Amino acid sequence: MIQQKSLPDQPTPLSREEVGSLASMIMVMQRRFLTTLMGELARGKVSFPQFFLLGHLCSHGPTGMSRIAELMGHSTPAATGLVQRLEKLGHVRRTHGIKDRRQVMVAPTPKATRLVEGIRQEMIGNLEKVMGMLSPGEQRAWLDIYGKIHEYCTSCNR
């Protein structure tokens, strides 16, 4: 008689209570990382929404005002106010579009690039500390999971 090997129990989806525990953990992580981020931003007199915009500009280059409004979930006048405040701080400059001079393009200045990169390096340092607590397999799993979350977040309409 051939003895069949039993397969390990397949994991079951998380219960609502377990998803609630995950939500609580994520809130603690966000609070921990955002506290550090907010301290860094306060030194540069930049709000989180302003930093979000600067991060986009540093990654994607000059961006039109209507796209900025869309990214920020603001009206165009509100986005204009946000850009004006960043311009006064020396973080962005406005130029006109090459093909259409009526189009206002917003680009980061070297000062903004230094701010965004400095905060990014701080985040990398914090994540390296977290990664030091995990095995290489756990590190890879975390990267894979966050890759899927990132894909979901960037594919959403908003």
N, C-alpha and C. Protein backbone atom coordinates (compact mmCIF):
# COMPACT_ATOMS: atom_id res chain seq x y z
N MET A 1 0.84 -1.17 0.00
CA MET A 1 0.00 0.00 0.00
C MET A 1 0.88 1.24 0.00
N ILE A 2 0.60 2.13 -0.91
CA ILE A 2 1.37 3.37 -1.00
C ILE A 2 0.73 4.40 -0.09
N GLN A 3 1.56 4.96 0.74
CA GLN A 3 1.05 5.97 1.66
C GLN A 3 1.18 7.34 1.00
N GLN A 4 0.07 8.04 0.91
CA GLN A 4 0.11 9.38 0.33
C GLN A 4 0.52 10.38 1.39
N LYS A 5 1.36 11.31 0.96
CA LYS A 5 1.75 12.38 1.87
C LYS A 5 0.61 13.36 1.96
N SER A 6 0.34 13.76 3.16
CA SER A 6 -0.72 14.77 3.31
C SER A 6 -0.13 16.15 3.03
N LEU A 7 -0.89 16.94 2.31
CA LEU A 7 -0.46 18.30 2.02
C LEU A 7 -0.66 19.16 3.25
N PRO A 8 0.24 20.09 3.45
CA PRO A 8 0.03 20.99 4.59
C PRO A 8 -1.27 21.75 4.40
N ASP A 9 -1.87 22.08 5.52
CA ASP A 9 -3.12 22.84 5.44
C ASP A 9 -2.88 24.13 4.68
N GLN A 10 -3.78 24.39 3.76
CA GLN A 10 -3.70 25.64 3.02
C GLN A 10 -4.12 26.78 3.94
N PRO A 11 -3.41 27.89 3.88
CA PRO A 11 -3.82 29.02 4.72
C PRO A 11 -5.23 29.48 4.34
N THR A 12 -5.92 29.96 5.30
CA THR A 12 -7.26 30.50 5.05
C THR A 12 -7.16 32.02 4.97
N PRO A 13 -8.08 32.63 4.23
CA PRO A 13 -8.07 34.10 4.18
C PRO A 13 -8.24 34.68 5.59
N LEU A 14 -7.74 35.88 5.75
CA LEU A 14 -7.85 36.54 7.05
C LEU A 14 -9.31 36.81 7.40
N SER A 15 -9.60 36.70 8.66
CA SER A 15 -10.94 37.06 9.15
C SER A 15 -11.03 38.58 9.23
N ARG A 16 -12.22 39.09 9.39
CA ARG A 16 -12.40 40.54 9.54
C ARG A 16 -11.62 41.05 10.75
N GLU A 17 -11.60 40.27 11.82
CA GLU A 17 -10.86 40.66 13.03
C GLU A 17 -9.36 40.74 12.75
N GLU A 18 -8.84 39.78 11.99
CA GLU A 18 -7.41 39.80 11.64
C GLU A 18 -7.09 40.97 10.71
N VAL A 19 -7.99 41.27 9.78
CA VAL A 19 -7.80 42.44 8.92
C VAL A 19 -7.81 43.70 9.78
N GLY A 20 -8.66 43.74 10.79
CA GLY A 20 -8.68 44.87 11.73
C GLY A 20 -7.36 45.00 12.46
N SER A 21 -6.76 43.87 12.85
CA SER A 21 -5.45 43.90 13.50
C SER A 21 -4.39 44.44 12.55
N LEU A 22 -4.46 44.02 11.28
CA LEU A 22 -3.54 44.53 10.27
C LEU A 22 -3.70 46.04 10.10
N ALA A 23 -4.94 46.51 10.08
CA ALA A 23 -5.19 47.95 9.96
C ALA A 23 -4.55 48.70 11.13
N SER A 24 -4.68 48.15 12.33
CA SER A 24 -4.08 48.79 13.51
C SER A 24 -2.56 48.84 13.38
N MET A 25 -1.96 47.76 12.89
CA MET A 25 -0.51 47.73 12.71
C MET A 25 -0.07 48.77 11.68
N ILE A 26 -0.81 48.87 10.59
CA ILE A 26 -0.47 49.84 9.56
C ILE A 26 -0.58 51.26 10.10
N MET A 27 -1.59 51.51 10.92
CA MET A 27 -1.74 52.85 11.51
C MET A 27 -0.55 53.19 12.40
N VAL A 28 -0.07 52.23 13.17
CA VAL A 28 1.09 52.47 14.03
C VAL A 28 2.32 52.74 13.17
N MET A 29 2.51 51.93 12.09
CA MET A 29 3.65 52.14 11.20
C MET A 29 3.59 53.53 10.56
N GLN A 30 2.41 53.89 10.06
CA GLN A 30 2.27 55.20 9.43
C GLN A 30 2.57 56.31 10.42
N ARG A 31 2.04 56.19 11.62
CA ARG A 31 2.27 57.23 12.64
C ARG A 31 3.76 57.34 12.93
N ARG A 32 4.43 56.21 13.04
CA ARG A 32 5.87 56.20 13.35
C ARG A 32 6.67 56.87 12.24
N PHE A 33 6.42 56.46 11.00
CA PHE A 33 7.17 57.02 9.88
C PHE A 33 6.75 58.46 9.59
N LEU A 34 5.47 58.76 9.72
CA LEU A 34 5.01 60.12 9.44
C LEU A 34 5.49 61.12 10.48
N THR A 35 5.64 60.67 11.72
CA THR A 35 6.16 61.57 12.76
C THR A 35 7.55 62.04 12.38
N THR A 36 8.38 61.11 11.94
CA THR A 36 9.73 61.48 11.51
C THR A 36 9.67 62.39 10.29
N LEU A 37 8.82 62.01 9.33
CA LEU A 37 8.69 62.80 8.11
C LEU A 37 8.21 64.21 8.41
N MET A 38 7.22 64.33 9.27
CA MET A 38 6.67 65.65 9.59
C MET A 38 7.71 66.53 10.27
N GLY A 39 8.55 65.94 11.10
CA GLY A 39 9.63 66.71 11.73
C GLY A 39 10.60 67.25 10.69
N GLU A 40 10.95 66.41 9.72
CA GLU A 40 11.83 66.84 8.64
C GLU A 40 11.18 67.95 7.81
N LEU A 41 9.90 67.77 7.51
CA LEU A 41 9.19 68.75 6.69
C LEU A 41 9.04 70.08 7.42
N ALA A 42 8.82 70.03 8.72
CA ALA A 42 8.66 71.27 9.49
C ALA A 42 9.92 72.13 9.41
N ARG A 43 11.08 71.47 9.41
CA ARG A 43 12.33 72.23 9.29
C ARG A 43 12.40 72.95 7.95
N GLY A 44 11.85 72.34 6.90
CA GLY A 44 11.85 72.98 5.59
C GLY A 44 10.61 73.82 5.34
N LYS A 45 9.73 73.92 6.35
CA LYS A 45 8.49 74.69 6.27
C LYS A 45 7.59 74.20 5.13
N VAL A 46 7.55 72.88 4.94
CA VAL A 46 6.77 72.27 3.87
C VAL A 46 5.73 71.35 4.50
N SER A 47 4.49 71.45 4.03
CA SER A 47 3.42 70.57 4.51
C SER A 47 3.50 69.22 3.81
N PHE A 48 2.78 68.24 4.31
CA PHE A 48 2.78 66.93 3.68
C PHE A 48 2.24 67.00 2.24
N PRO A 49 1.11 67.69 1.99
CA PRO A 49 0.66 67.80 0.59
C PRO A 49 1.70 68.47 -0.31
N GLN A 50 2.39 69.47 0.20
CA GLN A 50 3.43 70.12 -0.59
C GLN A 50 4.57 69.14 -0.88
N PHE A 51 4.93 68.33 0.13
CA PHE A 51 5.98 67.34 -0.07
C PHE A 51 5.55 66.29 -1.09
N PHE A 52 4.30 65.88 -1.01
CA PHE A 52 3.78 64.91 -1.98
C PHE A 52 3.96 65.46 -3.40
N LEU A 53 3.60 66.72 -3.59
CA LEU A 53 3.75 67.34 -4.91
C LEU A 53 5.22 67.43 -5.31
N LEU A 54 6.08 67.84 -4.39
CA LEU A 54 7.51 67.93 -4.69
C LEU A 54 8.07 66.56 -5.08
N GLY A 55 7.64 65.53 -4.37
CA GLY A 55 8.08 64.18 -4.70
C GLY A 55 7.68 63.79 -6.12
N HIS A 56 6.45 64.14 -6.49
CA HIS A 56 5.99 63.86 -7.85
C HIS A 56 6.83 64.63 -8.87
N LEU A 57 7.03 65.91 -8.62
CA LEU A 57 7.80 66.74 -9.56
C LEU A 57 9.23 66.23 -9.71
N CYS A 58 9.83 65.82 -8.60
CA CYS A 58 11.21 65.32 -8.67
C CYS A 58 11.28 63.99 -9.41
N SER A 59 10.23 63.19 -9.33
CA SER A 59 10.22 61.90 -10.02
C SER A 59 9.82 62.00 -11.48
N HIS A 60 8.87 62.90 -11.77
CA HIS A 60 8.27 62.94 -13.11
C HIS A 60 8.62 64.19 -13.92
N GLY A 61 9.27 65.14 -13.30
CA GLY A 61 9.66 66.35 -14.03
C GLY A 61 8.54 67.37 -14.12
N PRO A 62 8.73 68.40 -14.93
CA PRO A 62 7.75 69.47 -15.03
C PRO A 62 6.34 68.94 -15.32
N THR A 63 5.39 69.51 -14.61
CA THR A 63 4.00 69.05 -14.67
C THR A 63 3.08 70.25 -14.82
N GLY A 64 2.05 70.09 -15.63
CA GLY A 64 1.08 71.15 -15.84
C GLY A 64 0.15 71.33 -14.66
N MET A 65 -0.42 72.52 -14.56
CA MET A 65 -1.29 72.85 -13.43
C MET A 65 -2.53 71.96 -13.35
N SER A 66 -3.13 71.61 -14.49
CA SER A 66 -4.33 70.77 -14.43
C SER A 66 -3.98 69.38 -13.91
N ARG A 67 -2.82 68.86 -14.29
CA ARG A 67 -2.39 67.55 -13.78
C ARG A 67 -2.08 67.64 -12.30
N ILE A 68 -1.50 68.73 -11.85
CA ILE A 68 -1.23 68.92 -10.42
C ILE A 68 -2.55 68.93 -9.64
N ALA A 69 -3.53 69.66 -10.15
CA ALA A 69 -4.84 69.70 -9.49
C ALA A 69 -5.43 68.28 -9.40
N GLU A 70 -5.31 67.54 -10.47
CA GLU A 70 -5.82 66.16 -10.50
C GLU A 70 -5.09 65.29 -9.48
N LEU A 71 -3.77 65.36 -9.47
CA LEU A 71 -2.97 64.57 -8.53
C LEU A 71 -3.32 64.87 -7.08
N MET A 72 -3.53 66.14 -6.80
CA MET A 72 -3.76 66.57 -5.42
C MET A 72 -5.22 66.45 -5.01
N GLY A 73 -6.09 66.19 -5.99
CA GLY A 73 -7.52 66.14 -5.68
C GLY A 73 -8.06 67.51 -5.34
N HIS A 74 -7.48 68.54 -5.94
CA HIS A 74 -7.85 69.94 -5.68
C HIS A 74 -8.45 70.55 -6.94
N SER A 75 -9.07 71.69 -6.75
CA SER A 75 -9.46 72.50 -7.90
C SER A 75 -8.18 73.15 -8.43
N THR A 76 -8.24 73.66 -9.66
CA THR A 76 -7.06 74.33 -10.22
C THR A 76 -6.67 75.56 -9.39
N PRO A 77 -7.64 76.39 -8.93
CA PRO A 77 -7.22 77.52 -8.07
C PRO A 77 -6.53 77.08 -6.77
N ALA A 78 -7.02 75.99 -6.17
CA ALA A 78 -6.38 75.51 -4.93
C ALA A 78 -4.97 75.00 -5.23
N ALA A 79 -4.81 74.30 -6.37
CA ALA A 79 -3.48 73.83 -6.76
C ALA A 79 -2.56 75.01 -7.04
N THR A 80 -3.10 76.07 -7.62
CA THR A 80 -2.31 77.27 -7.89
C THR A 80 -1.79 77.86 -6.58
N GLY A 81 -2.64 77.89 -5.56
CA GLY A 81 -2.22 78.38 -4.25
C GLY A 81 -1.10 77.54 -3.66
N LEU A 82 -1.22 76.23 -3.81
CA LEU A 82 -0.20 75.32 -3.31
C LEU A 82 1.14 75.59 -4.02
N VAL A 83 1.08 75.74 -5.32
CA VAL A 83 2.28 76.01 -6.10
C VAL A 83 2.87 77.37 -5.73
N GLN A 84 2.04 78.37 -5.52
CA GLN A 84 2.53 79.71 -5.14
C GLN A 84 3.30 79.65 -3.84
N ARG A 85 2.78 78.90 -2.86
CA ARG A 85 3.47 78.79 -1.57
C ARG A 85 4.83 78.10 -1.75
N LEU A 86 4.87 77.06 -2.59
CA LEU A 86 6.14 76.38 -2.84
C LEU A 86 7.12 77.28 -3.60
N GLU A 87 6.57 78.10 -4.48
CA GLU A 87 7.41 79.03 -5.24
C GLU A 87 8.03 80.07 -4.29
N LYS A 88 7.25 80.57 -3.34
CA LYS A 88 7.77 81.54 -2.37
C LYS A 88 8.88 80.94 -1.51
N LEU A 89 8.79 79.63 -1.25
CA LEU A 89 9.82 78.95 -0.47
C LEU A 89 11.04 78.57 -1.31
N GLY A 90 10.95 78.80 -2.61
CA GLY A 90 12.08 78.50 -3.50
C GLY A 90 12.17 77.03 -3.91
N HIS A 91 11.05 76.29 -3.79
CA HIS A 91 11.06 74.86 -4.12
C HIS A 91 10.62 74.56 -5.55
N VAL A 92 9.89 75.47 -6.18
CA VAL A 92 9.45 75.23 -7.56
C VAL A 92 9.60 76.51 -8.37
N ARG A 93 9.62 76.32 -9.67
CA ARG A 93 9.58 77.46 -10.58
C ARG A 93 8.55 77.15 -11.64
N ARG A 94 7.91 78.20 -12.09
CA ARG A 94 6.90 78.04 -13.14
C ARG A 94 7.47 78.50 -14.47
N THR A 95 7.15 77.75 -15.51
CA THR A 95 7.56 78.12 -16.86
C THR A 95 6.36 77.92 -17.77
N HIS A 96 6.50 78.32 -18.99
CA HIS A 96 5.44 78.13 -19.97
C HIS A 96 5.76 76.90 -20.81
N GLY A 97 4.70 76.24 -21.27
CA GLY A 97 4.88 75.08 -22.13
C GLY A 97 5.59 75.45 -23.42
N ILE A 98 6.34 74.51 -23.96
CA ILE A 98 7.08 74.76 -25.20
C ILE A 98 6.11 74.83 -26.39
N LYS A 99 5.17 73.90 -26.46
CA LYS A 99 4.24 73.85 -27.58
C LYS A 99 3.10 74.85 -27.42
N ASP A 100 2.69 75.08 -26.17
CA ASP A 100 1.58 75.98 -25.91
C ASP A 100 2.00 76.92 -24.79
N ARG A 101 2.33 78.14 -25.12
CA ARG A 101 2.81 79.12 -24.15
C ARG A 101 1.78 79.45 -23.08
N ARG A 102 0.52 79.13 -23.34
CA ARG A 102 -0.52 79.39 -22.33
C ARG A 102 -0.45 78.38 -21.19
N GLN A 103 0.14 77.22 -21.45
CA GLN A 103 0.23 76.17 -20.43
C GLN A 103 1.33 76.52 -19.43
N VAL A 104 0.96 76.48 -18.15
CA VAL A 104 1.94 76.73 -17.08
C VAL A 104 2.48 75.39 -16.60
N MET A 105 3.78 75.27 -16.65
CA MET A 105 4.46 74.06 -16.19
C MET A 105 5.17 74.37 -14.87
N VAL A 106 5.16 73.42 -13.97
CA VAL A 106 5.80 73.60 -12.67
C VAL A 106 6.93 72.58 -12.57
N ALA A 107 8.12 73.06 -12.21
CA ALA A 107 9.29 72.21 -12.10
C ALA A 107 9.96 72.40 -10.74
N PRO A 108 10.58 71.35 -10.21
CA PRO A 108 11.28 71.48 -8.93
C PRO A 108 12.59 72.22 -9.11
N THR A 109 12.99 72.92 -8.08
CA THR A 109 14.29 73.59 -8.07
C THR A 109 15.31 72.63 -7.43
N PRO A 110 16.59 72.94 -7.55
CA PRO A 110 17.59 72.10 -6.86
C PRO A 110 17.32 72.02 -5.34
N LYS A 111 16.80 73.10 -4.76
CA LYS A 111 16.48 73.09 -3.33
C LYS A 111 15.43 72.02 -3.03
N ALA A 112 14.41 71.91 -3.87
CA ALA A 112 13.37 70.89 -3.68
C ALA A 112 13.95 69.49 -3.85
N THR A 113 14.80 69.34 -4.83
CA THR A 113 15.41 68.04 -5.10
C THR A 113 16.23 67.59 -3.89
N ARG A 114 16.98 68.52 -3.29
CA ARG A 114 17.77 68.19 -2.09
C ARG A 114 16.86 67.79 -0.93
N LEU A 115 15.74 68.52 -0.74
CA LEU A 115 14.81 68.22 0.34
C LEU A 115 14.21 66.82 0.14
N VAL A 116 13.70 66.55 -1.04
CA VAL A 116 13.06 65.26 -1.32
C VAL A 116 14.08 64.13 -1.17
N GLU A 117 15.26 64.30 -1.72
CA GLU A 117 16.27 63.25 -1.65
C GLU A 117 16.74 63.04 -0.21
N GLY A 118 16.87 64.12 0.55
CA GLY A 118 17.27 63.98 1.96
C GLY A 118 16.25 63.20 2.76
N ILE A 119 14.99 63.47 2.55
CA ILE A 119 13.94 62.75 3.26
C ILE A 119 13.87 61.30 2.78
N ARG A 120 14.07 61.10 1.49
CA ARG A 120 14.09 59.73 0.94
C ARG A 120 15.22 58.93 1.59
N GLN A 121 16.38 59.53 1.74
CA GLN A 121 17.50 58.84 2.37
C GLN A 121 17.19 58.52 3.84
N GLU A 122 16.50 59.43 4.51
CA GLU A 122 16.08 59.19 5.89
C GLU A 122 15.13 58.00 5.96
N MET A 123 14.21 57.93 5.02
CA MET A 123 13.27 56.81 4.96
C MET A 123 14.01 55.50 4.69
N ILE A 124 14.99 55.54 3.80
CA ILE A 124 15.77 54.34 3.51
C ILE A 124 16.48 53.87 4.78
N GLY A 125 17.05 54.79 5.52
CA GLY A 125 17.71 54.44 6.78
C GLY A 125 16.76 53.79 7.77
N ASN A 126 15.56 54.35 7.90
CA ASN A 126 14.56 53.76 8.80
C ASN A 126 14.15 52.37 8.33
N LEU A 127 13.95 52.21 7.04
CA LEU A 127 13.56 50.90 6.51
C LEU A 127 14.69 49.88 6.66
N GLU A 128 15.92 50.32 6.53
CA GLU A 128 17.04 49.40 6.74
C GLU A 128 17.04 48.86 8.18
N LYS A 129 16.68 49.72 9.13
CA LYS A 129 16.59 49.26 10.53
C LYS A 129 15.51 48.20 10.67
N VAL A 130 14.36 48.42 10.03
CA VAL A 130 13.27 47.44 10.07
C VAL A 130 13.72 46.15 9.40
N MET A 131 14.35 46.27 8.23
CA MET A 131 14.79 45.09 7.48
C MET A 131 15.80 44.28 8.29
N GLY A 132 16.59 44.94 9.12
CA GLY A 132 17.57 44.24 9.96
C GLY A 132 16.92 43.31 10.96
N MET A 133 15.64 43.51 11.23
CA MET A 133 14.91 42.65 12.17
C MET A 133 14.30 41.44 11.47
N LEU A 134 14.38 41.39 10.14
CA LEU A 134 13.73 40.34 9.37
C LEU A 134 14.76 39.43 8.70
N SER A 135 14.35 38.20 8.46
CA SER A 135 15.21 37.28 7.70
C SER A 135 15.20 37.72 6.23
N PRO A 136 16.18 37.27 5.45
CA PRO A 136 16.16 37.61 4.03
C PRO A 136 14.86 37.20 3.33
N GLY A 137 14.31 36.05 3.69
CA GLY A 137 13.04 35.62 3.11
C GLY A 137 11.89 36.55 3.46
N GLU A 138 11.88 36.99 4.71
CA GLU A 138 10.84 37.94 5.14
C GLU A 138 11.01 39.28 4.44
N GLN A 139 12.26 39.70 4.26
CA GLN A 139 12.52 40.95 3.55
C GLN A 139 11.97 40.87 2.13
N ARG A 140 12.25 39.76 1.44
CA ARG A 140 11.76 39.58 0.06
C ARG A 140 10.24 39.53 0.03
N ALA A 141 9.64 38.85 1.00
CA ALA A 141 8.17 38.76 1.06
C ALA A 141 7.58 40.15 1.25
N TRP A 142 8.20 40.95 2.12
CA TRP A 142 7.70 42.30 2.37
C TRP A 142 7.79 43.14 1.10
N LEU A 143 8.91 43.03 0.40
CA LEU A 143 9.08 43.77 -0.84
C LEU A 143 8.03 43.34 -1.87
N ASP A 144 7.78 42.04 -1.98
CA ASP A 144 6.78 41.54 -2.92
C ASP A 144 5.38 42.05 -2.56
N ILE A 145 5.04 42.00 -1.28
CA ILE A 145 3.71 42.45 -0.83
C ILE A 145 3.55 43.94 -1.08
N TYR A 146 4.55 44.72 -0.71
CA TYR A 146 4.45 46.17 -0.92
C TYR A 146 4.43 46.51 -2.40
N GLY A 147 5.10 45.69 -3.23
CA GLY A 147 5.03 45.88 -4.68
C GLY A 147 3.60 45.73 -5.18
N LYS A 148 2.90 44.75 -4.66
CA LYS A 148 1.50 44.54 -5.04
C LYS A 148 0.61 45.67 -4.54
N ILE A 149 0.87 46.13 -3.33
CA ILE A 149 0.09 47.26 -2.79
C ILE A 149 0.35 48.51 -3.62
N HIS A 150 1.60 48.75 -3.98
CA HIS A 150 1.97 49.90 -4.80
C HIS A 150 1.27 49.82 -6.15
N GLU A 151 1.27 48.64 -6.74
CA GLU A 151 0.61 48.45 -8.04
C GLU A 151 -0.89 48.78 -7.93
N TYR A 152 -1.51 48.32 -6.87
CA TYR A 152 -2.93 48.62 -6.65
C TYR A 152 -3.14 50.14 -6.50
N CYS A 153 -2.33 50.76 -5.68
CA CYS A 153 -2.49 52.19 -5.41
C CYS A 153 -2.24 53.05 -6.64
N THR A 154 -1.28 52.66 -7.46
CA THR A 154 -0.99 53.46 -8.65
C THR A 154 -1.94 53.18 -9.80
N SER A 155 -2.69 52.08 -9.71
CA SER A 155 -3.64 51.77 -10.78
C SER A 155 -5.03 52.32 -10.49
N CYS A 156 -5.25 52.79 -9.27
CA CYS A 156 -6.55 53.36 -8.91
C CYS A 156 -6.77 54.66 -9.63
N ASN A 157 -8.01 54.97 -9.91
CA ASN A 157 -8.33 56.22 -10.60
C ASN A 157 -7.97 57.43 -9.77
N ARG A 158 -7.97 57.33 -8.51
CA ARG A 158 -7.68 58.48 -7.64
C ARG A 158 -6.45 58.23 -6.86
